[in-house]
Amino acid sequence: MKVSIEINGRTVTGEVEDRTLLVHFVRERAGLTATNVGCDTTSCGACTVLLDGESVKSCTVLAAQADGHAVTTLEGLRGEDGGLHPLQRAFREEHGLQCGFCTPGMIMAAVSLLEHNPKPTRHEVRDGLEGNLCRCTGYHNIVNAVMNASGQEVQR
């Protein structure tokens, strides 16, 4: 079947099998590899992207389901100045990553979280990111990064 998906503002069209997952379409057809394949079972969140502005785990969405829709990946985020998005900058400033494998999914989930709740509490950040796993950091610096990006005080 033929699908056409707007990815980061660019239309990507291709033939896919009915069972092709969005994560594979993004990585293989669009060549955008920040979206990671972690578990293929929706457990880790490494594949999180925005689908029409809402965070989704792209290993649970078929490419056919995204046909005609807009997808944003980490590569599509930009700050107002064209540089790093505020969440990307905050993750760097707060050391919200170690190995970096979960970082794209964490940032995309946090973008959606802050879109719905621009001034979350630390507890709301933890709840909002609970579907995204990090095996390295212990989450403290990730939460600080989201708080920083929302213009709130971080805990040292």
N, C-alpha and C. Protein backbone atom coordinates (compact mmCIF):
# COMPACT_ATOMS: atom_id res chain seq x y z
N MET A 1 0.84 -1.17 0.00
CA MET A 1 0.00 0.00 0.00
C MET A 1 0.88 1.24 0.00
N LYS A 2 0.41 2.30 -0.60
CA LYS A 2 1.16 3.54 -0.69
C LYS A 2 0.72 4.48 0.43
N VAL A 3 1.70 5.06 1.14
CA VAL A 3 1.39 6.03 2.19
C VAL A 3 2.17 7.31 1.92
N SER A 4 1.62 8.38 2.43
CA SER A 4 2.24 9.69 2.32
C SER A 4 2.11 10.36 3.68
N ILE A 5 3.25 10.61 4.31
CA ILE A 5 3.27 11.16 5.67
C ILE A 5 4.14 12.41 5.67
N GLU A 6 3.64 13.47 6.29
CA GLU A 6 4.45 14.67 6.44
C GLU A 6 5.33 14.46 7.67
N ILE A 7 6.62 14.42 7.46
CA ILE A 7 7.57 14.21 8.55
C ILE A 7 8.47 15.43 8.64
N ASN A 8 8.37 16.13 9.76
CA ASN A 8 9.16 17.34 9.99
C ASN A 8 8.98 18.36 8.87
N GLY A 9 7.75 18.46 8.36
CA GLY A 9 7.44 19.44 7.34
C GLY A 9 7.72 19.01 5.92
N ARG A 10 8.21 17.79 5.74
CA ARG A 10 8.54 17.27 4.41
C ARG A 10 7.68 16.04 4.15
N THR A 11 7.05 15.98 3.00
CA THR A 11 6.21 14.83 2.66
C THR A 11 7.09 13.66 2.21
N VAL A 12 6.87 12.53 2.88
CA VAL A 12 7.60 11.30 2.55
C VAL A 12 6.56 10.28 2.08
N THR A 13 6.74 9.79 0.88
CA THR A 13 5.80 8.85 0.28
C THR A 13 6.53 7.55 -0.01
N GLY A 14 5.82 6.44 0.15
CA GLY A 14 6.43 5.17 -0.17
C GLY A 14 5.46 4.02 -0.07
N GLU A 15 5.84 2.93 -0.69
CA GLU A 15 5.08 1.69 -0.61
C GLU A 15 5.49 0.97 0.67
N VAL A 16 4.51 0.49 1.42
CA VAL A 16 4.78 -0.23 2.66
C VAL A 16 3.91 -1.48 2.72
N GLU A 17 4.37 -2.44 3.48
CA GLU A 17 3.52 -3.59 3.78
C GLU A 17 2.50 -3.14 4.82
N ASP A 18 1.39 -3.82 4.88
CA ASP A 18 0.34 -3.46 5.83
C ASP A 18 0.84 -3.43 7.27
N ARG A 19 1.81 -4.26 7.58
CA ARG A 19 2.30 -4.40 8.96
C ARG A 19 3.48 -3.47 9.29
N THR A 20 3.89 -2.61 8.36
CA THR A 20 5.03 -1.73 8.60
C THR A 20 4.70 -0.74 9.71
N LEU A 21 5.57 -0.70 10.71
CA LEU A 21 5.38 0.22 11.82
C LEU A 21 5.90 1.61 11.46
N LEU A 22 5.30 2.62 12.08
CA LEU A 22 5.72 4.00 11.83
C LEU A 22 7.19 4.20 12.17
N VAL A 23 7.67 3.59 13.24
CA VAL A 23 9.08 3.74 13.62
C VAL A 23 10.00 3.28 12.49
N HIS A 24 9.65 2.21 11.82
CA HIS A 24 10.48 1.71 10.72
C HIS A 24 10.37 2.61 9.48
N PHE A 25 9.18 3.13 9.24
CA PHE A 25 9.01 4.06 8.13
C PHE A 25 9.86 5.31 8.35
N VAL A 26 9.83 5.84 9.56
CA VAL A 26 10.60 7.05 9.89
C VAL A 26 12.09 6.79 9.74
N ARG A 27 12.56 5.68 10.26
CA ARG A 27 14.00 5.37 10.22
C ARG A 27 14.47 4.97 8.82
N GLU A 28 13.73 4.07 8.18
CA GLU A 28 14.19 3.49 6.93
C GLU A 28 13.79 4.28 5.68
N ARG A 29 12.58 4.77 5.64
CA ARG A 29 12.12 5.49 4.45
C ARG A 29 12.53 6.96 4.50
N ALA A 30 12.36 7.57 5.70
CA ALA A 30 12.71 9.00 5.82
C ALA A 30 14.17 9.21 6.21
N GLY A 31 14.84 8.16 6.69
CA GLY A 31 16.24 8.26 7.05
C GLY A 31 16.51 9.05 8.32
N LEU A 32 15.52 9.13 9.19
CA LEU A 32 15.64 9.89 10.44
C LEU A 32 15.85 8.91 11.58
N THR A 33 17.08 8.84 12.06
CA THR A 33 17.43 7.77 12.99
C THR A 33 17.46 8.18 14.46
N ALA A 34 17.06 9.40 14.79
CA ALA A 34 16.99 9.75 16.22
C ALA A 34 15.88 8.96 16.91
N THR A 35 14.83 8.64 16.17
CA THR A 35 13.76 7.82 16.72
C THR A 35 14.29 6.40 16.84
N ASN A 36 14.43 5.94 18.07
CA ASN A 36 15.07 4.64 18.31
C ASN A 36 14.07 3.50 18.41
N VAL A 37 14.52 2.32 18.03
CA VAL A 37 13.76 1.09 18.25
C VAL A 37 14.35 0.47 19.51
N GLY A 38 13.55 0.44 20.56
CA GLY A 38 14.06 -0.07 21.82
C GLY A 38 13.53 -1.44 22.14
N CYS A 39 12.21 -1.54 22.30
CA CYS A 39 11.65 -2.79 22.82
C CYS A 39 10.64 -3.43 21.88
N ASP A 40 10.06 -2.67 20.97
CA ASP A 40 8.97 -3.15 20.09
C ASP A 40 7.75 -3.62 20.85
N THR A 41 7.63 -3.26 22.12
CA THR A 41 6.47 -3.69 22.92
C THR A 41 5.80 -2.54 23.65
N THR A 42 6.09 -1.32 23.31
CA THR A 42 5.56 -0.09 23.92
C THR A 42 6.02 0.12 25.35
N SER A 43 7.02 -0.57 25.79
CA SER A 43 7.44 -0.48 27.19
C SER A 43 8.43 0.64 27.46
N CYS A 44 9.27 1.01 26.48
CA CYS A 44 10.39 1.89 26.81
C CYS A 44 10.22 3.34 26.38
N GLY A 45 9.49 3.62 25.32
CA GLY A 45 9.28 4.99 24.88
C GLY A 45 10.40 5.58 24.03
N ALA A 46 11.42 4.80 23.70
CA ALA A 46 12.53 5.31 22.90
C ALA A 46 12.09 5.74 21.50
N CYS A 47 10.95 5.25 21.07
CA CYS A 47 10.45 5.53 19.73
C CYS A 47 9.40 6.65 19.70
N THR A 48 9.27 7.39 20.78
CA THR A 48 8.23 8.42 20.87
C THR A 48 8.44 9.52 19.85
N VAL A 49 7.36 9.83 19.13
CA VAL A 49 7.32 10.94 18.17
C VAL A 49 6.02 11.70 18.43
N LEU A 50 5.85 12.82 17.76
CA LEU A 50 4.58 13.53 17.80
C LEU A 50 3.81 13.20 16.53
N LEU A 51 2.58 12.76 16.69
CA LEU A 51 1.68 12.49 15.57
C LEU A 51 0.55 13.50 15.67
N ASP A 52 0.52 14.41 14.72
CA ASP A 52 -0.43 15.53 14.78
C ASP A 52 -0.35 16.24 16.13
N GLY A 53 0.87 16.38 16.64
CA GLY A 53 1.11 17.13 17.87
C GLY A 53 0.98 16.35 19.16
N GLU A 54 0.55 15.11 19.10
CA GLU A 54 0.39 14.28 20.30
C GLU A 54 1.49 13.24 20.35
N SER A 55 2.05 13.03 21.54
CA SER A 55 3.12 12.03 21.64
C SER A 55 2.54 10.62 21.51
N VAL A 56 3.19 9.83 20.70
CA VAL A 56 2.80 8.42 20.50
C VAL A 56 4.08 7.59 20.44
N LYS A 57 3.96 6.36 20.82
CA LYS A 57 5.06 5.42 20.65
C LYS A 57 4.94 4.85 19.24
N SER A 58 5.88 5.20 18.40
CA SER A 58 5.77 4.87 16.98
C SER A 58 5.92 3.39 16.69
N CYS A 59 6.26 2.59 17.72
CA CYS A 59 6.29 1.14 17.51
C CYS A 59 4.90 0.53 17.68
N THR A 60 3.91 1.38 18.01
CA THR A 60 2.54 0.89 18.16
C THR A 60 1.61 1.44 17.09
N VAL A 61 2.17 2.24 16.19
CA VAL A 61 1.37 2.86 15.13
C VAL A 61 1.83 2.30 13.80
N LEU A 62 0.89 1.85 13.01
CA LEU A 62 1.23 1.40 11.66
C LEU A 62 1.46 2.60 10.77
N ALA A 63 2.39 2.48 9.83
CA ALA A 63 2.62 3.56 8.87
C ALA A 63 1.32 3.91 8.16
N ALA A 64 0.50 2.91 7.87
CA ALA A 64 -0.78 3.15 7.19
C ALA A 64 -1.71 4.03 8.03
N GLN A 65 -1.62 3.90 9.36
CA GLN A 65 -2.46 4.73 10.24
C GLN A 65 -2.00 6.19 10.21
N ALA A 66 -0.73 6.42 9.91
CA ALA A 66 -0.20 7.78 9.87
C ALA A 66 -0.34 8.42 8.49
N ASP A 67 -0.82 7.66 7.52
CA ASP A 67 -1.00 8.17 6.17
C ASP A 67 -1.84 9.45 6.21
N GLY A 68 -1.32 10.53 5.61
CA GLY A 68 -2.05 11.79 5.57
C GLY A 68 -1.91 12.64 6.82
N HIS A 69 -1.11 12.18 7.77
CA HIS A 69 -0.93 12.91 9.03
C HIS A 69 0.47 13.52 9.10
N ALA A 70 0.69 14.32 10.14
CA ALA A 70 1.98 14.98 10.35
C ALA A 70 2.71 14.35 11.52
N VAL A 71 3.98 14.04 11.30
CA VAL A 71 4.84 13.45 12.33
C VAL A 71 6.00 14.41 12.57
N THR A 72 6.33 14.59 13.85
CA THR A 72 7.51 15.37 14.20
C THR A 72 8.44 14.46 14.99
N THR A 73 9.70 14.44 14.58
CA THR A 73 10.72 13.66 15.28
C THR A 73 11.69 14.65 15.93
N LEU A 74 12.64 14.13 16.68
CA LEU A 74 13.63 14.99 17.32
C LEU A 74 14.34 15.88 16.30
N GLU A 75 14.61 15.34 15.12
CA GLU A 75 15.29 16.12 14.08
C GLU A 75 14.47 17.32 13.62
N GLY A 76 13.16 17.27 13.85
CA GLY A 76 12.28 18.35 13.42
C GLY A 76 12.08 19.45 14.44
N LEU A 77 12.61 19.29 15.64
CA LEU A 77 12.48 20.32 16.67
C LEU A 77 13.45 21.46 16.39
N ARG A 78 13.00 22.67 16.58
CA ARG A 78 13.84 23.84 16.42
C ARG A 78 13.40 24.89 17.44
N GLY A 79 14.36 25.65 17.90
CA GLY A 79 14.06 26.80 18.73
C GLY A 79 13.61 27.95 17.87
N GLU A 80 13.11 29.01 18.50
CA GLU A 80 12.66 30.17 17.74
C GLU A 80 13.78 30.79 16.92
N ASP A 81 15.02 30.64 17.38
CA ASP A 81 16.17 31.19 16.67
C ASP A 81 16.71 30.24 15.61
N GLY A 82 16.03 29.09 15.42
CA GLY A 82 16.48 28.10 14.46
C GLY A 82 17.50 27.13 15.02
N GLY A 83 17.94 27.37 16.26
CA GLY A 83 18.90 26.48 16.92
C GLY A 83 18.17 25.39 17.69
N LEU A 84 18.77 25.02 18.79
CA LEU A 84 18.18 23.96 19.62
C LEU A 84 16.82 24.38 20.18
N HIS A 85 15.93 23.41 20.27
CA HIS A 85 14.64 23.60 20.92
C HIS A 85 14.92 23.82 22.42
N PRO A 86 14.09 24.58 23.13
CA PRO A 86 14.32 24.80 24.56
C PRO A 86 14.49 23.50 25.37
N LEU A 87 13.80 22.44 25.01
CA LEU A 87 13.98 21.18 25.74
C LEU A 87 15.33 20.55 25.42
N GLN A 88 15.77 20.63 24.19
CA GLN A 88 17.09 20.11 23.84
C GLN A 88 18.16 20.87 24.61
N ARG A 89 18.02 22.18 24.66
CA ARG A 89 18.98 23.02 25.39
C ARG A 89 18.96 22.68 26.88
N ALA A 90 17.77 22.50 27.44
CA ALA A 90 17.63 22.20 28.86
C ALA A 90 18.21 20.83 29.20
N PHE A 91 18.01 19.84 28.33
CA PHE A 91 18.60 18.52 28.58
C PHE A 91 20.12 18.62 28.62
N ARG A 92 20.68 19.44 27.75
CA ARG A 92 22.12 19.63 27.74
C ARG A 92 22.58 20.36 29.01
N GLU A 93 21.89 21.43 29.37
CA GLU A 93 22.28 22.23 30.54
C GLU A 93 22.16 21.46 31.85
N GLU A 94 21.13 20.62 31.95
CA GLU A 94 20.86 19.89 33.20
C GLU A 94 21.44 18.49 33.21
N HIS A 95 22.18 18.14 32.18
CA HIS A 95 22.77 16.79 32.08
C HIS A 95 21.69 15.72 32.18
N GLY A 96 20.62 15.92 31.42
CA GLY A 96 19.49 15.01 31.45
C GLY A 96 19.67 13.79 30.57
N LEU A 97 20.89 13.40 30.33
CA LEU A 97 21.15 12.21 29.52
C LEU A 97 22.50 11.63 29.90
N GLN A 98 22.66 10.39 29.62
CA GLN A 98 23.97 9.75 29.76
C GLN A 98 24.29 9.07 28.46
N CYS A 99 23.75 7.88 28.25
CA CYS A 99 24.08 7.18 27.00
C CYS A 99 23.34 7.81 25.81
N GLY A 100 22.22 8.47 26.06
CA GLY A 100 21.48 9.16 25.01
C GLY A 100 20.44 8.35 24.29
N PHE A 101 20.33 7.06 24.57
CA PHE A 101 19.40 6.21 23.82
C PHE A 101 17.95 6.63 24.05
N CYS A 102 17.59 6.95 25.28
CA CYS A 102 16.20 7.32 25.58
C CYS A 102 15.91 8.78 25.29
N THR A 103 16.95 9.59 25.10
CA THR A 103 16.80 11.05 25.04
C THR A 103 15.82 11.52 23.96
N PRO A 104 15.88 11.03 22.72
CA PRO A 104 14.91 11.52 21.73
C PRO A 104 13.46 11.28 22.17
N GLY A 105 13.17 10.09 22.67
CA GLY A 105 11.81 9.79 23.12
C GLY A 105 11.41 10.62 24.33
N MET A 106 12.34 10.81 25.26
CA MET A 106 12.07 11.64 26.45
C MET A 106 11.74 13.07 26.04
N ILE A 107 12.55 13.61 25.15
CA ILE A 107 12.32 14.99 24.72
C ILE A 107 10.99 15.12 24.00
N MET A 108 10.67 14.18 23.12
CA MET A 108 9.40 14.27 22.39
C MET A 108 8.21 14.14 23.34
N ALA A 109 8.30 13.25 24.33
CA ALA A 109 7.23 13.13 25.32
C ALA A 109 7.12 14.41 26.14
N ALA A 110 8.26 15.02 26.47
CA ALA A 110 8.25 16.25 27.25
C ALA A 110 7.68 17.42 26.45
N VAL A 111 7.93 17.45 25.15
CA VAL A 111 7.33 18.49 24.30
C VAL A 111 5.81 18.42 24.41
N SER A 112 5.27 17.23 24.28
CA SER A 112 3.83 17.04 24.38
C SER A 112 3.33 17.41 25.78
N LEU A 113 4.05 16.98 26.80
CA LEU A 113 3.67 17.29 28.18
C LEU A 113 3.58 18.80 28.38
N LEU A 114 4.61 19.54 27.97
CA LEU A 114 4.62 20.99 28.18
C LEU A 114 3.60 21.71 27.30
N GLU A 115 3.24 21.11 26.18
CA GLU A 115 2.19 21.70 25.35
C GLU A 115 0.85 21.67 26.09
N HIS A 116 0.61 20.58 26.81
CA HIS A 116 -0.64 20.43 27.56
C HIS A 116 -0.58 21.07 28.94
N ASN A 117 0.61 21.14 29.53
CA ASN A 117 0.78 21.66 30.88
C ASN A 117 2.09 22.46 30.93
N PRO A 118 2.04 23.75 30.59
CA PRO A 118 3.27 24.55 30.48
C PRO A 118 4.04 24.75 31.78
N LYS A 119 3.41 24.58 32.92
CA LYS A 119 4.08 24.77 34.22
C LYS A 119 3.80 23.58 35.14
N PRO A 120 4.29 22.41 34.77
CA PRO A 120 4.01 21.22 35.58
C PRO A 120 4.80 21.21 36.89
N THR A 121 4.28 20.52 37.87
CA THR A 121 5.05 20.26 39.08
C THR A 121 6.03 19.14 38.79
N ARG A 122 6.98 18.92 39.68
CA ARG A 122 7.92 17.81 39.50
C ARG A 122 7.16 16.49 39.44
N HIS A 123 6.15 16.34 40.26
CA HIS A 123 5.34 15.11 40.26
C HIS A 123 4.64 14.94 38.90
N GLU A 124 4.10 16.02 38.36
CA GLU A 124 3.42 15.94 37.06
C GLU A 124 4.41 15.60 35.94
N VAL A 125 5.64 16.09 36.04
CA VAL A 125 6.66 15.72 35.05
C VAL A 125 6.93 14.22 35.13
N ARG A 126 7.12 13.72 36.33
CA ARG A 126 7.37 12.28 36.49
C ARG A 126 6.20 11.46 35.96
N ASP A 127 4.97 11.88 36.27
CA ASP A 127 3.80 11.18 35.75
C ASP A 127 3.72 11.27 34.23
N GLY A 128 4.03 12.43 33.69
CA GLY A 128 3.95 12.64 32.25
C GLY A 128 4.96 11.86 31.45
N LEU A 129 6.07 11.50 32.10
CA LEU A 129 7.13 10.76 31.41
C LEU A 129 7.18 9.29 31.82
N GLU A 130 6.18 8.82 32.56
CA GLU A 130 6.26 7.46 33.11
C GLU A 130 6.31 6.37 32.05
N GLY A 131 5.89 6.63 30.85
CA GLY A 131 5.96 5.62 29.78
C GLY A 131 7.28 5.61 29.04
N ASN A 132 8.21 6.44 29.49
CA ASN A 132 9.54 6.51 28.87
C ASN A 132 10.57 6.09 29.89
N LEU A 133 11.32 5.05 29.56
CA LEU A 133 12.29 4.51 30.50
C LEU A 133 13.70 5.00 30.21
N CYS A 134 14.43 5.25 31.29
CA CYS A 134 15.85 5.56 31.21
C CYS A 134 16.56 4.60 32.14
N ARG A 135 17.52 3.89 31.62
CA ARG A 135 18.23 2.91 32.44
C ARG A 135 19.52 3.48 33.02
N CYS A 136 19.81 4.75 32.75
CA CYS A 136 21.09 5.32 33.19
C CYS A 136 20.98 6.38 34.28
N THR A 137 20.03 7.32 34.15
CA THR A 137 20.14 8.56 34.91
C THR A 137 19.42 8.60 36.25
N GLY A 138 18.43 7.79 36.48
CA GLY A 138 17.66 7.92 37.72
C GLY A 138 16.62 9.02 37.66
N TYR A 139 16.44 9.69 36.54
CA TYR A 139 15.38 10.65 36.25
C TYR A 139 15.54 12.03 36.88
N HIS A 140 16.32 12.19 37.92
CA HIS A 140 16.42 13.49 38.59
C HIS A 140 16.79 14.60 37.60
N ASN A 141 17.83 14.39 36.80
CA ASN A 141 18.26 15.41 35.85
C ASN A 141 17.30 15.56 34.68
N ILE A 142 16.59 14.51 34.33
CA ILE A 142 15.57 14.59 33.28
C ILE A 142 14.44 15.49 33.75
N VAL A 143 13.99 15.28 34.98
CA VAL A 143 12.94 16.13 35.54
C VAL A 143 13.44 17.57 35.63
N ASN A 144 14.68 17.76 36.07
CA ASN A 144 15.26 19.11 36.12
C ASN A 144 15.25 19.76 34.74
N ALA A 145 15.56 19.00 33.71
CA ALA A 145 15.58 19.54 32.35
C ALA A 145 14.20 20.03 31.93
N VAL A 146 13.17 19.26 32.24
CA VAL A 146 11.81 19.67 31.89
C VAL A 146 11.40 20.90 32.70
N MET A 147 11.76 20.92 33.96
CA MET A 147 11.46 22.08 34.80
C MET A 147 12.19 23.31 34.26
N ASN A 148 13.44 23.16 33.87
CA ASN A 148 14.23 24.25 33.30
C ASN A 148 13.55 24.77 32.03
N ALA A 149 13.16 23.87 31.15
CA ALA A 149 12.54 24.28 29.88
C ALA A 149 11.21 24.98 30.11
N SER A 150 10.56 24.68 31.22
CA SER A 150 9.27 25.34 31.51
C SER A 150 9.47 26.63 32.30
N GLY A 151 10.74 26.99 32.52
CA GLY A 151 11.03 28.24 33.21
C GLY A 151 10.88 28.19 34.72
N GLN A 152 10.95 26.96 35.26
CA GLN A 152 10.77 26.79 36.69
C GLN A 152 12.07 26.40 37.37
N GLU A 153 12.05 26.47 38.68
CA GLU A 153 13.24 26.17 39.47
C GLU A 153 13.57 24.68 39.41
N VAL A 154 14.84 24.40 39.31
CA VAL A 154 15.31 23.02 39.33
C VAL A 154 15.87 22.71 40.71
N GLN A 155 15.90 21.42 41.07
CA GLN A 155 16.46 21.00 42.35
C GLN A 155 17.89 20.52 42.14
N ARG A 156 18.76 20.99 42.96
CA ARG A 156 20.17 20.58 42.87
C ARG A 156 20.46 19.52 43.90
